[in-house]
Structure formats: structure tokens, C-alpha cells
Protein backbone atom coordinates (compact mmCIF):
# COMPACT_ATOMS: atom_id res chain seq x y z
CA UNK A 1 3.20 50.62 6.59
CA UNK A 2 0.52 52.58 4.77
CA UNK A 3 -3.21 53.20 4.78
CA UNK A 4 -4.97 51.21 2.07
CA UNK A 5 -7.63 52.56 -0.27
CA UNK A 6 -10.40 50.94 1.80
CA UNK A 7 -9.11 52.09 5.19
CA UNK A 8 -7.20 48.93 6.11
CA UNK A 9 -3.55 48.84 7.22
CA UNK A 10 -1.14 47.54 4.60
CA UNK A 11 2.34 46.29 5.43
CA UNK A 12 4.53 46.16 2.32
CA UNK A 13 7.44 43.77 2.61
CA UNK A 14 9.47 41.50 0.34
CA UNK A 15 9.07 37.86 1.20
CA UNK A 16 11.16 36.99 4.23
CA UNK A 17 10.47 33.90 6.34
CA UNK A 18 11.08 35.55 9.70
CA UNK A 19 9.07 38.70 8.89
CA UNK A 20 6.26 36.62 7.43
CA UNK A 21 6.11 34.51 10.60
CA UNK A 22 5.93 37.62 12.79
CA UNK A 23 3.18 39.18 10.71
CA UNK A 24 1.27 35.92 10.56
CA UNK A 25 1.20 35.82 14.37
CA UNK A 26 -0.40 39.25 14.78
CA UNK A 27 -3.98 39.35 15.99
CA UNK A 28 -6.52 40.26 14.74
CA UNK A 29 -5.26 38.19 11.85
CA UNK A 30 -4.25 39.79 8.56
CA UNK A 31 -4.12 38.31 5.10
CA UNK A 32 -1.31 38.15 2.56
CA UNK A 33 -2.16 39.73 -0.80
CA UNK A 34 0.30 38.10 -3.18
CA UNK A 35 -0.61 40.21 -6.19
CA UNK A 36 0.06 43.43 -4.30
CA UNK A 37 2.97 42.11 -2.28
CA UNK A 38 1.63 43.24 1.08
CA UNK A 39 -0.16 42.15 4.22
CA UNK A 40 -3.54 43.70 4.98
CA UNK A 41 -4.78 44.13 8.56
CA UNK A 42 -7.94 45.59 10.14
CA UNK A 43 -7.56 48.76 12.21
CA UNK A 44 -8.05 46.70 15.38
CA UNK A 45 -4.54 45.33 14.80
CA UNK A 46 -2.96 48.79 14.93
CA UNK A 47 -1.55 48.46 18.47
CA UNK A 48 -0.07 45.01 17.78
CA UNK A 49 1.46 46.20 14.51
CA UNK A 50 3.03 49.24 16.13
CA UNK A 51 4.51 47.06 18.86
CA UNK A 52 5.76 44.34 16.52
CA UNK A 53 6.99 46.54 13.67
CA UNK A 54 8.26 49.61 15.55
CA UNK A 55 11.42 50.84 13.88
CA UNK A 56 11.35 48.10 11.22
CA UNK A 57 8.83 49.63 8.81
CA UNK A 58 8.44 53.33 8.04
CA UNK A 59 4.89 54.64 8.51
CA UNK A 60 3.28 57.02 6.03
CA UNK A 61 2.11 60.38 7.48
CA UNK A 62 -1.48 59.51 6.67
CA UNK A 63 -1.38 56.27 8.65
CA UNK A 64 0.54 58.01 11.42
CA UNK A 65 -2.39 60.42 11.82
CA UNK A 66 -4.84 57.52 12.02
CA UNK A 67 -2.63 55.85 14.66
CA UNK A 68 -2.74 59.07 16.67
CA UNK A 69 -6.52 59.23 16.48
CA UNK A 70 -6.80 55.57 17.49
CA UNK A 71 -4.63 56.22 20.54
CA UNK A 72 -6.85 59.16 21.56
CA UNK A 73 -10.43 57.91 21.08
CA UNK A 74 -13.41 60.20 21.38
CA UNK A 75 -15.36 60.09 24.66
CA UNK A 76 -18.21 57.57 24.84
CA UNK A 77 -21.63 58.58 23.59
CA UNK A 78 -24.49 59.28 26.01
CA UNK A 79 -26.79 56.36 26.87
CA UNK A 80 -29.53 55.37 24.46
CA UNK A 81 -32.29 56.81 26.63
CA UNK A 82 -30.67 60.25 26.57
CA UNK A 83 -30.18 60.11 22.81
CA UNK A 84 -33.82 59.19 22.23
CA UNK A 85 -34.94 62.09 24.40
CA UNK A 86 -32.65 64.50 22.52
CA UNK A 87 -34.02 63.31 19.17
CA UNK A 88 -37.48 64.56 20.20
CA UNK A 89 -39.11 62.32 17.61
CA UNK A 90 -42.51 62.69 19.26
CA UNK A 91 -42.59 66.45 18.87
CA UNK A 92 -43.95 68.33 15.89
CA UNK A 93 -41.36 69.68 13.48
CA UNK A 94 -41.09 73.46 12.88
CA UNK A 95 -43.23 73.14 9.73
CA UNK A 96 -45.99 71.34 11.65
CA UNK A 97 -45.28 67.83 10.35
CA UNK A 98 -45.03 64.89 12.70
CA UNK A 99 -43.13 61.65 12.20
CA UNK A 100 -45.18 58.54 11.54
CA UNK A 101 -45.04 55.76 14.09
CA UNK A 102 -42.73 53.63 11.92
CA UNK A 103 -40.36 56.60 11.53
CA UNK A 104 -40.20 57.13 15.28
CA UNK A 105 -39.38 53.44 15.64
CA UNK A 106 -36.62 53.82 13.05
CA UNK A 107 -35.14 56.76 15.01
CA UNK A 108 -34.93 54.71 18.20
CA UNK A 109 -33.55 51.73 16.27
CA UNK A 110 -30.80 53.80 14.63
CA UNK A 111 -29.77 55.47 17.89
CA UNK A 112 -29.20 52.04 19.43
CA UNK A 113 -26.65 51.18 16.73
CA UNK A 114 -23.38 52.81 15.71
CA UNK A 115 -23.59 51.01 12.36
CA UNK A 116 -26.84 49.98 10.66
CA UNK A 117 -28.67 49.58 7.35
CA UNK A 118 -32.12 51.18 7.24
CA UNK A 119 -33.60 49.21 4.34
CA UNK A 120 -37.26 50.22 4.55
CA UNK A 121 -39.17 50.21 1.28
CA UNK A 122 -39.04 53.33 -0.86
CA UNK A 123 -41.42 56.04 0.28
CA UNK A 124 -41.37 55.30 4.01
CA UNK A 125 -39.40 58.43 4.90
CA UNK A 126 -35.89 57.11 5.59
CA UNK A 127 -34.34 60.54 5.02
CA UNK A 128 -36.31 62.23 7.79
CA UNK A 129 -35.82 59.30 10.18
CA UNK A 130 -32.04 59.43 9.75
CA UNK A 131 -31.91 63.21 10.18
CA UNK A 132 -33.96 63.17 13.38
CA UNK A 133 -31.71 60.43 14.77
CA UNK A 134 -28.64 62.42 13.72
CA UNK A 135 -30.03 65.49 15.45
CA UNK A 136 -29.66 63.71 18.80
CA UNK A 137 -25.93 63.07 18.25
CA UNK A 138 -25.42 66.65 17.10
CA UNK A 139 -27.10 67.95 20.25
CA UNK A 140 -25.42 65.69 22.81
CA UNK A 141 -22.07 64.77 21.24
CA UNK A 142 -21.30 67.84 19.13
CA UNK A 143 -21.06 65.68 16.01
CA UNK A 144 -20.90 66.83 12.41
CA UNK A 145 -23.53 65.46 10.02
CA UNK A 146 -21.98 64.24 6.76
CA UNK A 147 -24.34 62.92 4.08
CA UNK A 148 -23.31 61.02 0.96
CA UNK A 149 -26.10 61.03 -1.63
CA UNK A 150 -26.52 61.20 -5.40
CA UNK A 151 -26.13 64.80 -6.57
CA UNK A 152 -29.73 64.90 -7.78
CA UNK A 153 -30.97 64.35 -4.20
CA UNK A 154 -28.95 67.11 -2.53
CA UNK A 155 -31.82 69.60 -2.81
CA UNK A 156 -34.13 67.18 -0.98
CA UNK A 157 -31.58 66.61 1.81
CA UNK A 158 -30.99 70.35 2.26
CA UNK A 159 -34.73 70.98 2.36
CA UNK A 160 -35.39 68.33 5.00
CA UNK A 161 -32.37 69.38 7.08
CA UNK A 162 -33.42 73.04 6.98
CA UNK A 163 -36.83 72.01 8.31
CA UNK A 164 -35.08 70.54 11.36
CA UNK A 165 -32.58 73.35 11.78
CA UNK A 166 -29.63 71.10 10.93
CA UNK A 167 -26.48 71.91 9.00
CA UNK A 168 -25.21 69.24 6.63
CA UNK A 169 -21.98 68.56 4.85
CA UNK A 170 -23.19 67.06 1.56
CA UNK A 171 -21.10 64.94 -0.81
CA UNK A 172 -21.99 63.01 -3.94
CA UNK A 173 -21.00 59.41 -4.59
CA UNK A 174 -18.79 60.66 -7.41
CA UNK A 175 -16.77 62.91 -5.07
CA UNK A 176 -16.33 61.34 -1.67
CA UNK A 177 -14.24 63.22 0.91
CA UNK A 178 -10.82 61.87 1.80
CA UNK A 179 -11.13 62.59 5.53
CA UNK A 180 -13.72 63.31 8.21
CA UNK A 181 -13.74 66.14 10.80
CA UNK A 182 -11.64 65.62 13.94
CA UNK A 183 -14.49 66.29 16.37
CA UNK A 184 -16.60 63.30 15.37
CA UNK A 185 -18.98 62.53 12.52
CA UNK A 186 -22.32 60.89 11.88
CA UNK A 187 -22.08 59.54 8.32
CA UNK A 188 -25.36 58.93 6.49
CA UNK A 189 -25.17 57.23 3.10
CA UNK A 190 -28.30 57.55 0.95
CA UNK A 191 -28.83 55.05 -1.88
CA UNK A 192 -26.13 52.95 -0.20
CA UNK A 193 -26.43 50.27 -2.91
CA UNK A 194 -24.15 52.58 -4.93
CA UNK A 195 -21.39 50.80 -2.95
CA UNK A 196 -22.37 47.22 -3.77
CA UNK A 197 -19.32 46.33 -5.89
CA UNK A 198 -16.50 45.62 -3.45
CA UNK A 199 -13.58 46.24 -5.83
CA UNK A 200 -14.93 49.49 -7.33
CA UNK A 201 -12.93 52.63 -6.48
CA UNK A 202 -16.12 54.28 -5.18
CA UNK A 203 -16.78 51.42 -2.76
CA UNK A 204 -13.17 51.40 -1.59
CA UNK A 205 -13.28 55.15 -0.88
CA UNK A 206 -16.55 54.75 0.99
CA UNK A 207 -15.20 51.91 3.14
CA UNK A 208 -12.27 54.13 4.02
CA UNK A 209 -14.71 56.70 5.45
CA UNK A 210 -16.67 53.96 7.21
CA UNK A 211 -13.49 52.83 9.01
CA UNK A 212 -12.34 56.33 9.93
CA UNK A 213 -11.22 56.66 13.60
CA UNK A 214 -13.31 59.84 14.02
CA UNK A 215 -16.56 58.20 12.91
CA UNK A 216 -19.25 58.22 15.59
CA UNK A 217 -21.98 56.40 13.69
CA UNK A 218 -22.67 55.24 10.15
CA UNK A 219 -26.20 54.67 8.89
CA UNK A 220 -26.83 53.34 5.40
CA UNK A 221 -30.15 54.02 3.67
CA UNK A 222 -31.29 51.81 0.81
CA UNK A 223 -34.63 50.39 -0.19
CA UNK A 224 -32.80 47.82 -2.34
CA UNK A 225 -29.77 46.54 -0.39
CA UNK A 226 -29.65 43.47 -2.67
CA UNK A 227 -30.89 44.84 -6.01
CA UNK A 228 -30.16 41.65 -7.95
CA UNK A 229 -30.93 39.24 -5.13
CA UNK A 230 -27.25 38.24 -4.79
CA UNK A 231 -25.71 38.10 -1.29
CA UNK A 232 -22.34 39.32 -2.62
CA UNK A 233 -23.94 42.75 -3.03
CA UNK A 234 -24.64 42.85 0.69
CA UNK A 235 -21.02 42.27 1.75
CA UNK A 236 -19.70 45.86 1.25
CA UNK A 237 -22.61 47.23 3.27
CA UNK A 238 -21.92 44.79 6.10
CA UNK A 239 -18.23 45.72 6.00
CA UNK A 240 -19.12 49.42 6.15
CA UNK A 241 -21.26 49.08 9.29
CA UNK A 242 -18.75 46.84 11.04
CA UNK A 243 -20.86 43.68 11.02
CA UNK A 244 -18.77 40.59 11.95
CA UNK A 245 -19.73 38.99 8.61
CA UNK A 246 -18.00 41.88 6.84
CA UNK A 247 -14.60 41.05 8.36
CA UNK A 248 -13.73 38.10 6.12
CA UNK A 249 -14.72 38.41 2.48
CA UNK A 250 -13.51 34.96 1.41
CA UNK A 251 -15.45 33.21 4.18
CA UNK A 252 -18.57 35.23 3.34
CA UNK A 253 -18.33 34.32 -0.35
CA UNK A 254 -17.72 30.65 0.33
CA UNK A 255 -20.55 30.38 2.84
CA UNK A 256 -23.26 32.57 1.34
CA UNK A 257 -22.31 33.16 -2.33
CA UNK A 258 -21.31 29.64 -3.42
CA UNK A 259 -17.76 30.90 -3.90
CA UNK A 260 -15.58 28.51 -5.88
CA UNK A 261 -12.78 28.36 -8.43
CA UNK A 262 -13.57 27.53 -12.05
CA UNK A 263 -11.53 27.16 -15.20
CA UNK A 264 -11.99 29.67 -18.00
CA UNK A 265 -9.66 30.03 -20.96
CA UNK A 266 -6.94 28.09 -19.19
CA UNK A 267 -7.13 30.32 -16.11
CA UNK A 268 -8.61 29.77 -12.65
CA UNK A 269 -11.28 32.38 -11.85
CA UNK A 270 -12.98 32.91 -8.51
CA UNK A 271 -16.78 32.86 -8.87
CA UNK A 272 -19.05 34.17 -6.10
CA UNK A 273 -22.34 35.13 -7.75
CA UNK A 274 -24.52 32.42 -6.25
CA UNK A 275 -26.51 32.17 -3.03
CA UNK A 276 -26.62 29.64 -0.21
CA UNK A 277 -27.55 29.41 3.49
CA UNK A 278 -29.89 32.36 3.04
CA UNK A 279 -31.94 31.64 6.14
CA UNK A 280 -28.79 31.69 8.22
CA UNK A 281 -27.63 34.90 6.56
CA UNK A 282 -30.97 36.56 7.21
CA UNK A 283 -30.85 35.57 10.87
CA UNK A 284 -27.32 36.91 11.33
CA UNK A 285 -27.86 40.28 9.63
CA UNK A 286 -31.29 40.96 11.14
CA UNK A 287 -29.97 42.88 14.21
CA UNK A 288 -28.29 45.52 11.99
CA UNK A 289 -30.57 45.57 8.94
CA UNK A 290 -34.13 46.90 9.28
CA UNK A 291 -36.39 46.17 6.33
CA UNK A 292 -40.13 46.86 6.40
CA UNK A 293 -42.66 46.87 3.60
CA UNK A 294 -45.20 49.62 3.09
CA UNK A 295 -48.07 47.36 4.05
CA UNK A 296 -46.50 46.87 7.47
CA UNK A 297 -46.24 50.59 8.17
CA UNK A 298 -48.85 52.55 6.22
CA UNK A 299 -52.41 52.31 5.05
CA UNK A 300 -51.68 53.56 1.54
CA UNK A 301 -54.13 53.45 -1.37
CA UNK A 302 -53.65 50.25 -3.40
CA UNK A 303 -51.26 49.77 -6.30
CA UNK A 304 -52.18 47.53 -9.22
CA UNK A 305 -50.16 46.38 -12.22
CA UNK A 306 -51.67 46.00 -15.65
CA UNK A 307 -49.87 44.21 -18.48
CA UNK A 308 -50.58 45.90 -21.80
CA UNK A 309 -49.63 43.76 -24.80
CA UNK A 310 -48.39 45.72 -27.81
CA UNK A 311 -48.90 44.29 -31.28
CA UNK A 312 -47.33 45.32 -34.59
CA UNK A 313 -48.89 45.39 -38.02
CA UNK A 314 -47.21 43.62 -40.93
CA UNK A 315 -45.09 46.60 -41.98
CA UNK A 316 -43.94 47.33 -38.42
CA UNK A 317 -43.09 43.68 -37.83
CA UNK A 318 -41.04 43.59 -41.02
CA UNK A 319 -39.16 46.76 -39.98
CA UNK A 320 -38.55 45.25 -36.55
CA UNK A 321 -37.10 42.05 -38.03
CA UNK A 322 -34.96 44.00 -40.48
CA UNK A 323 -33.50 46.26 -37.77
CA UNK A 324 -32.75 43.30 -35.54
CA UNK A 325 -31.10 41.34 -38.35
CA UNK A 326 -28.90 44.33 -39.12
CA UNK A 327 -27.76 44.42 -35.48
CA UNK A 328 -27.06 40.68 -35.52
CA UNK A 329 -25.05 40.92 -38.75
CA UNK A 330 -23.10 43.90 -37.41
CA UNK A 331 -22.24 42.11 -34.20
CA UNK A 332 -21.09 38.99 -36.02
CA UNK A 333 -18.93 41.10 -38.34
CA UNK A 334 -17.30 42.81 -35.37
CA UNK A 335 -16.82 39.48 -33.60
CA UNK A 336 -15.14 38.05 -36.70
CA UNK A 337 -12.81 41.10 -36.73
CA UNK A 338 -11.95 40.52 -33.08
CA UNK A 339 -13.53 43.77 -31.90
CA UNK A 340 -15.99 42.06 -29.51
CA UNK A 341 -16.24 38.71 -27.79
CA UNK A 342 -17.85 35.96 -29.80
CA UNK A 343 -19.33 34.24 -26.75
CA UNK A 344 -21.32 37.35 -25.76
CA UNK A 345 -23.53 37.44 -28.85
CA UNK A 346 -26.68 36.27 -27.12
CA UNK A 347 -26.70 39.03 -24.51
CA UNK A 348 -25.57 41.69 -26.97
CA UNK A 349 -28.39 40.83 -29.36
CA UNK A 350 -30.83 40.65 -26.47
CA UNK A 351 -29.93 44.21 -25.50
CA UNK A 352 -30.42 45.31 -29.11
CA UNK A 353 -33.76 43.52 -29.12
CA UNK A 354 -34.92 45.57 -26.12
CA UNK A 355 -33.77 48.84 -27.69
CA UNK A 356 -35.57 48.14 -30.95
CA UNK A 357 -38.69 46.99 -29.12
CA UNK A 358 -38.65 50.22 -27.11
CA UNK A 359 -38.76 52.27 -30.33
CA UNK A 360 -41.63 50.17 -31.66
CA UNK A 361 -43.65 50.81 -28.49
CA UNK A 362 -43.56 54.57 -28.95
CA UNK A 363 -46.92 54.80 -30.72
CA UNK A 364 -48.70 52.62 -28.14
CA UNK A 365 -47.10 54.53 -25.26
CA UNK A 366 -48.00 57.93 -26.71
CA UNK A 367 -51.58 56.82 -27.29
CA UNK A 368 -51.94 55.51 -23.72
CA UNK A 369 -50.38 58.58 -22.11
CA UNK A 370 -52.35 61.03 -24.27
CA UNK A 371 -55.60 59.27 -23.35
CA UNK A 372 -54.79 59.41 -19.62
CA UNK A 373 -53.71 63.04 -19.88
CA UNK A 374 -56.89 64.03 -21.71
CA UNK A 375 -58.88 62.47 -18.86
CA UNK A 376 -57.09 64.77 -16.42
CA UNK A 377 -54.87 62.08 -14.93
CA UNK A 378 -51.32 62.74 -13.74
CA UNK A 379 -48.90 60.33 -15.43
CA UNK A 380 -45.23 59.42 -14.96
CA UNK A 381 -43.50 57.49 -17.75
CA UNK A 382 -40.31 55.50 -17.18
CA UNK A 383 -38.02 54.07 -19.84
CA UNK A 384 -34.55 52.56 -19.85
CA UNK A 385 -33.45 54.49 -22.95
CA UNK A 386 -32.77 58.20 -23.37
CA UNK A 387 -33.72 58.05 -27.06
CA UNK A 388 -37.15 56.73 -26.14
CA UNK A 389 -37.64 59.45 -23.51
CA UNK A 390 -36.74 62.20 -25.99
CA UNK A 391 -38.99 60.75 -28.70
CA UNK A 392 -41.94 60.48 -26.31
CA UNK A 393 -41.38 64.06 -25.20
CA UNK A 394 -41.57 65.25 -28.81
CA UNK A 395 -44.61 63.15 -29.68
CA UNK A 396 -46.60 64.25 -26.64
CA UNK A 397 -45.97 67.92 -27.42
CA UNK A 398 -44.20 69.04 -24.24
CA UNK A 399 -41.85 71.40 -26.01
CA UNK A 400 -41.81 74.15 -23.36
CA UNK A 401 -41.61 72.26 -20.06
CA UNK A 402 -37.85 71.74 -19.94
CA UNK A 403 -37.62 68.29 -21.46
CA UNK A 404 -37.64 64.77 -20.02
CA UNK A 405 -35.85 63.82 -16.80
CA UNK A 406 -32.64 62.21 -18.10
CA UNK A 407 -29.04 62.08 -16.94
CA UNK A 408 -27.93 65.05 -19.06
CA UNK A 409 -30.28 67.38 -17.15
CA UNK A 410 -28.41 69.29 -14.39
CA UNK A 411 -29.49 68.38 -10.83
CA UNK A 412 -31.07 71.79 -10.12
CA UNK A 413 -33.19 71.59 -13.27
CA UNK A 414 -34.24 68.04 -12.42
CA UNK A 415 -35.87 69.30 -9.25
CA UNK A 416 -37.65 72.04 -11.19
CA UNK A 417 -39.11 69.42 -13.53
CA UNK A 418 -40.31 67.40 -10.54
CA UNK A 419 -41.76 70.49 -8.89
CA UNK A 420 -43.62 71.40 -12.09
CA UNK A 421 -45.21 67.95 -12.15
CA UNK A 422 -45.98 67.88 -8.43
CA UNK A 423 -47.62 71.33 -8.56
CA UNK A 424 -49.84 70.35 -11.49
CA UNK A 425 -48.23 72.70 -14.01
CA UNK A 426 -47.17 69.67 -16.05
CA UNK A 427 -49.58 66.73 -16.37
CA UNK A 428 -46.91 64.26 -17.59
CA UNK A 429 -43.36 63.55 -16.47
CA UNK A 430 -41.11 61.42 -18.68
CA UNK A 431 -37.96 60.00 -17.10
CA UNK A 432 -35.30 57.33 -17.37
CA UNK A 433 -34.97 54.82 -14.55
CA UNK A 434 -31.47 55.94 -13.60
CA UNK A 435 -32.54 59.57 -13.12
CA UNK A 436 -36.24 59.78 -12.31
CA UNK A 437 -36.33 56.53 -10.36
CA UNK A 438 -33.84 57.82 -7.82
CA UNK A 439 -34.94 59.68 -4.71
CA UNK A 440 -37.68 61.93 -6.11
CA UNK A 441 -41.19 62.10 -4.69
CA UNK A 442 -43.86 61.88 -7.39
CA UNK A 443 -46.94 60.99 -5.33
CA UNK A 444 -49.22 63.23 -7.42
CA UNK A 445 -49.20 60.56 -10.14
CA UNK A 446 -52.20 58.29 -10.50
CA UNK A 447 -50.64 56.29 -13.31
CA UNK A 448 -47.08 55.15 -13.95
CA UNK A 449 -46.17 53.71 -17.35
CA UNK A 450 -43.14 51.43 -17.69
CA UNK A 451 -42.26 51.31 -21.38
CA UNK A 452 -39.93 48.43 -20.60
CA UNK A 453 -38.54 47.06 -17.37
CA UNK A 454 -34.90 47.49 -16.28
CA UNK A 455 -32.55 44.55 -15.92
CA UNK A 456 -32.31 45.04 -12.17
CA UNK A 457 -35.53 43.89 -10.50
CA UNK A 458 -35.28 46.42 -7.66
CA UNK A 459 -35.25 49.30 -10.16
CA UNK A 460 -38.74 48.50 -11.46
CA UNK A 461 -40.24 48.52 -7.98
CA UNK A 462 -38.25 51.61 -7.06
CA UNK A 463 -39.63 53.48 -10.08
CA UNK A 464 -43.20 52.59 -9.14
CA UNK A 465 -42.57 53.56 -5.53
CA UNK A 466 -41.55 57.08 -6.55
CA UNK A 467 -45.33 57.47 -6.97
CA UNK A 468 -46.67 54.96 -4.43
CA UNK A 469 -45.65 56.69 -1.20
CA UNK A 470 -46.64 58.89 1.73
CA UNK A 471 -48.87 61.76 0.60
CA UNK A 472 -50.62 60.09 -2.34
CA UNK A 473 -54.33 60.70 -2.48
CA UNK A 474 -55.70 57.85 -4.59
CA UNK A 475 -54.86 54.43 -6.00
CA UNK A 476 -51.92 54.00 -8.38
CA UNK A 477 -52.08 52.00 -11.59
CA UNK A 478 -48.83 50.73 -13.09
CA UNK A 479 -48.98 49.95 -16.81
CA UNK A 480 -46.38 47.47 -18.13
CA UNK A 481 -46.15 47.64 -21.93
CA UNK A 482 -45.13 44.25 -23.27
CA UNK A 483 -43.85 43.48 -26.76
CA UNK A 484 -42.34 40.14 -27.64
CA UNK A 485 -39.79 37.85 -26.10
CA UNK A 486 -37.54 40.54 -24.62
CA UNK A 487 -40.23 41.95 -22.35
CA UNK A 488 -41.50 38.50 -21.43
CA UNK A 489 -38.04 37.37 -20.34
CA UNK A 490 -37.36 40.46 -18.23
CA UNK A 491 -40.85 40.47 -16.74
CA UNK A 492 -40.41 36.84 -15.75
CA UNK A 493 -37.40 37.93 -13.70
CA UNK A 494 -39.49 40.30 -11.59
CA UNK A 495 -42.82 38.45 -11.52
CA UNK A 496 -42.32 37.37 -7.91
CA UNK A 497 -39.58 37.44 -5.31
CA UNK A 498 -38.96 33.70 -5.40
CA UNK A 499 -38.87 33.53 -9.19
CA UNK A 500 -36.74 36.65 -9.38
CA UNK A 501 -34.05 35.24 -7.11
CA UNK A 502 -34.10 31.86 -8.84
CA UNK A 503 -33.71 33.33 -12.30
CA UNK A 504 -31.12 35.88 -11.27
CA UNK A 505 -28.90 33.19 -9.79
CA UNK A 506 -28.86 31.50 -13.20
CA UNK A 507 -28.88 34.64 -15.33
CA UNK A 508 -25.50 34.18 -16.95
CA UNK A 509 -26.53 30.78 -18.23
CA UNK A 510 -30.31 30.92 -18.53
CA UNK A 511 -30.80 34.17 -20.42
CA UNK A 512 -28.22 33.50 -23.16
CA UNK A 513 -29.66 30.02 -23.63
CA UNK A 514 -33.21 31.36 -23.98
CA UNK A 515 -32.14 34.12 -26.34
CA UNK A 516 -29.98 31.74 -28.36
CA UNK A 517 -33.01 29.50 -28.87
CA UNK A 518 -34.90 32.53 -30.15
CA UNK A 519 -32.00 33.57 -32.42
CA UNK A 520 -31.99 30.13 -34.03
CA UNK A 521 -35.48 30.85 -35.33
CA UNK A 522 -34.59 34.27 -36.80
């Protein structure tokens, strides 16, 4: 017997009818993984497994330690009323700030749950709410606070924790710890949608922490718990917080993800990218998932979106067509040589179309940003492409401010770029979605320019909400530059929640078909 990568118990055994019958009778029920040649059981089956398999299967030292912890559980936590009092959410913080009403509600809500997803919209102060709730467990249960967050957000977490007099153990999603402290841990996972792919090594390592016997509470923070509108992305989060729906992946996929077998290339492939019984799913997850929009909690200045069509003159249009045709010819040559899949041409060319369109929007973007800057406005620019960010930085003449906010910039320097913008030393901040759209507060901005929109609908809203949040002093205008079919297709995906979900459920079929129709006219 061994401890699996995701914190489940694995019993490795060659097929034997008697042994199989004994293992099949154990409750809670396990499942046979034929490809790995082992049975997999939840931790709740530990006592039954030890009784049934004692002396028959050797136990790895790692699993032996978990068995010991399970046999010596930590003492129960104080009652909810005592935890709420210890959180002191009504009191002013040392720096004079006070939690908003919706944050105080979040503190009480978290303290009533050992596992929960705080899915409030970006900018509603989830970090501070989780820390104040964690403070109560630190005070009354002598817990350690362990935070998993993207490396670029560690400065923000340290700053907020220092303001509350808390000590944190910080880890990045790229380097998750293998174990938790013996005395008990409150695990807070920021940007929890980083663990939305159930078979990814990162998700498996995170689930192992979530199932650790010394875990006191686990609170997941994410403004986009279903970034693509697909229920399958919610399953790992439900498994991490111990929701009953997270106990049986196959049942979840069949019931809520339209899970089914299909034939592809002579093989049977399990498909679970759809959505069904969503009203039922929403009702069942509601007790452990708290999602509130800004309009429900705050009286923020308004946010408006403006579509800004970009047109090309004859020479630019000819260069655009020539560059695109070169990419199409190159892809078809590589497909003929067997270097890439032939059936992926539509999406590959569509990606190239977006990249080329981004380059051809540089002049319009620079003109718009320069005009806003000259009027004394604070502007944040988001793009999906590093090359576009670098080119805009050069064209706008920001040669001495440290460069745009892209992935290659070290985390400490990223914060300095944000601080320079927030303090007014830099009137413009240029960033990619993956870096600048993650965790930073940019509420000084009065205008946000999206050169193009990201594939994932939640990322566009998240980028805007870096600016539209607590502390902003005036209305925010979001400018969506739009050039050609690529932008129209992506913008259709995020035009409204209903349309976004509908299109995303059909993305693998609908987008290639639409792009293929366009390619036929090239």
C-alpha cells in the first residue's frame, strides 16, 4: 500500500480473484485503475484497509505516517461563535483600515466551513477576508497559515499579513510543499483556478495537501472558478474542499459534463467537456461556494466598454494578407511533412490571424494611448502577446521605466512597476494578461485598453477588474480594439454570460468551422 500523488491510498496487487473480492467489499468503496494496476481508496477507508490487509501488503513509510496521524486526530476546533469573536472583523486594523460589510460576512462564512471556495468577483478583497478568518484559527487553535499563490503575488500577501501581525508560510503553485506541519494548518489557495486540470501534476500535488491529515481548514480563492464555463473545471476544486460531488469523478462527469465515450482514430476516448443539469449543480455547490458580484457589495464608479474598430489602408491590408498567407502555406507544408496535425489547421491559422492582427493594431493603440496620456489620464494596456507589449513600450517612449509587465520580469520588479504606476510616476502601464491581469491592484487607472481579448472569457473581465476595484476614484472606460474576423469571433464568446457558455461548449466544433469558412475565401 502506498500514498498516491493526489493523497489517495493505492493498493498495488496483481489480479487475484480472492484479493479483488476482498478489496471490492471495503467501504468507502474504492475503484480499480486497470492502467496502473492498483486499487485507489479515499482516506476514509484507511481503518478498513488496515484491518483487511494487515500483514498481506507492505505499507510505505509515507503512508504509515499518514495512518499514524489519522489514528491520532487533532482536537476539535472551538465553536463558530468563538472563532468569529477571535477574528475581530469589526475592529479597525493596525493601519486604520476597516473591513467592508461584505468582507466581514465572508469572514463569518469561511469560519463556518472547513472547506470552501470564496469566489467573489475580483477586487472585493478576498485576500484580507481570508487572512482575518485565518487569524481566528491561529489565535484559538495554534494553527500555521500556509498560503499557495502565484509568485508575483507573494509581496501582496506578505504586506497584508504584516498589517494584521500574521506570519505566513508562502509557496508558489510551481513549488508546492510535500507535507504540512504536524500541529495543524490553515491552507489558503489564491488563484485556485490554477488547479482546474484534474490530471495535471500541479493539481495532483495540491489535492494531496488538501487531503492531508493535519489540515484544519482549506479555503480556495478565485474570482473565476469556471474560467471557460465548463463544469469539469470545478471538479478539482470540489475535491479539494471535500465536497461530496468531488468524491466520484466519473459520476460528476457523466451527470454534469455530458461525459461519454466517442470513437477517434479507431480508439475509444472519454469526452467530458460539455455541461448539463447546471441548475442542480448550482444548488448543490451553493453551500460551499460563495460568489458575489461587485454590484451586490460595493457602490463603485461605473465601468463602460467601448468597441473601437481598427481599419487598414490598402498597403497595410495587403501586408496583412501576405503575412497570413505565408503562415497558412508554412503550416500546410509542415502538415504535409508530418510535423503537425492536419486536422488542426483551422485553429492554428486562427491563432496566427490574431497574432498578425495584434501587430497591425499597434499604430491605433499607440495613438489612442498617447492621446489619453497627453490628457493626463492614467492608462493600463493589456495584450495577449509579449511582442506586442514590447513594441508598444518602444513606440510610446517609456525607455526608462523598467519595461512592460511581462512574464520575463522577476516578481520583485513587477511590483515596482505596479507601484510606479499607482504612485503616478508612470502614466501608462503595459502588461500581458498572464502577468498584469493576475492579482495586482491598478485602481489608479481611468482607462484600460485591451488590444485583443484572451481566449478565456474570465481573463478579459479579470484584466478589467484589476482597475475596477475598491479604492478607485472615478469611472473606468474599457477600450476594446477590434480588427477583423478574429476579434469578432473572440468578442462574441464574451459578449454575455449566456452566449459565452453556449459558444464555449461548442468551441471545438464551432470555431474551426467558422475559421474554415473564412479560410475558403482567402
